[in-house]
Amino acid sequence: MSPSDIIWRITERLAELQALCDESIQQLHPKKNLDLISSIEECERLCRTQLNIMNRVAKRY
């Protein structure tokens, strides 16, 4: 497997996880599940950060 293949696979998985976070937040009650929503939003931010890292490294390969 080449570096670009690995980068692509990781990027795809992170994008899927980010989409899952977004979908999950939409299905929760905004007041009853505020703490869970906050946690999921933090995970989504981490996914975004990881995607940014992978996009930067993809430019080198």
Protein backbone atom coordinates (compact mmCIF):
# COMPACT_ATOMS: atom_id res chain seq x y z
CA MET A 1 0.00 0.00 0.00
CA SER A 2 1.28 3.44 -0.85
CA PRO A 3 1.29 6.41 1.53
CA SER A 4 -1.44 8.12 -0.50
CA ASP A 5 -3.66 5.01 -0.16
CA ILE A 6 -3.20 5.01 3.61
CA ILE A 7 -3.90 8.74 3.82
CA TRP A 8 -7.05 8.27 1.73
CA ARG A 9 -8.31 5.40 3.94
CA ILE A 10 -7.73 7.34 7.16
CA THR A 11 -9.34 10.46 5.71
CA GLU A 12 -12.40 8.49 4.63
CA ARG A 13 -12.83 6.91 8.09
CA LEU A 14 -12.47 10.28 9.81
CA ALA A 15 -15.05 11.80 7.46
CA GLU A 16 -17.44 8.93 8.27
CA LEU A 17 -16.94 9.47 11.99
CA GLN A 18 -17.52 13.20 11.61
CA ALA A 19 -20.77 12.51 9.72
CA LEU A 20 -21.84 10.05 12.43
CA CYS A 21 -21.25 12.71 15.08
CA ASP A 22 -23.34 15.23 13.14
CA GLU A 23 -26.18 12.74 12.61
CA SER A 24 -26.14 11.67 16.25
CA ILE A 25 -26.40 15.24 17.52
CA GLN A 26 -29.45 15.84 15.33
CA GLN A 27 -31.23 12.85 16.88
CA LEU A 28 -30.76 13.98 20.48
CA HIS A 29 -32.96 16.28 22.53
CA PRO A 30 -31.15 19.63 22.82
CA LYS A 31 -31.86 20.14 26.54
CA LYS A 32 -32.18 16.61 27.91
CA ASN A 33 -28.97 15.44 26.28
CA LEU A 34 -26.92 18.61 26.56
CA ASP A 35 -23.91 16.89 28.17
CA LEU A 36 -23.87 14.14 25.54
CA ILE A 37 -24.22 16.67 22.73
CA SER A 38 -21.32 18.63 24.17
CA SER A 39 -19.16 15.50 24.26
CA ILE A 40 -20.08 14.55 20.71
CA GLU A 41 -19.32 18.09 19.52
CA GLU A 42 -15.89 17.82 21.10
CA CYS A 43 -15.31 14.53 19.28
CA GLU A 44 -16.44 16.17 16.05
CA ARG A 45 -13.91 18.99 16.58
CA LEU A 46 -11.19 16.40 17.11
CA CYS A 47 -12.20 14.67 13.86
CA ARG A 48 -11.99 18.00 12.06
CA THR A 49 -8.51 18.57 13.50
CA GLN A 50 -7.41 15.10 12.42
CA LEU A 51 -8.84 15.65 8.94
CA ASN A 52 -6.91 18.92 8.68
CA ILE A 53 -3.71 17.10 9.66
CA MET A 54 -4.30 14.38 7.07
CA ASN A 55 -5.09 16.96 4.38
CA ARG A 56 -1.82 18.77 5.13
CA VAL A 57 0.20 15.56 4.94
CA ALA A 58 -1.64 14.53 1.75
CA LYS A 59 -0.14 17.56 0.01
CA ARG A 60 3.33 16.03 0.54
CA TYR A 61 2.34 12.71 -0.97
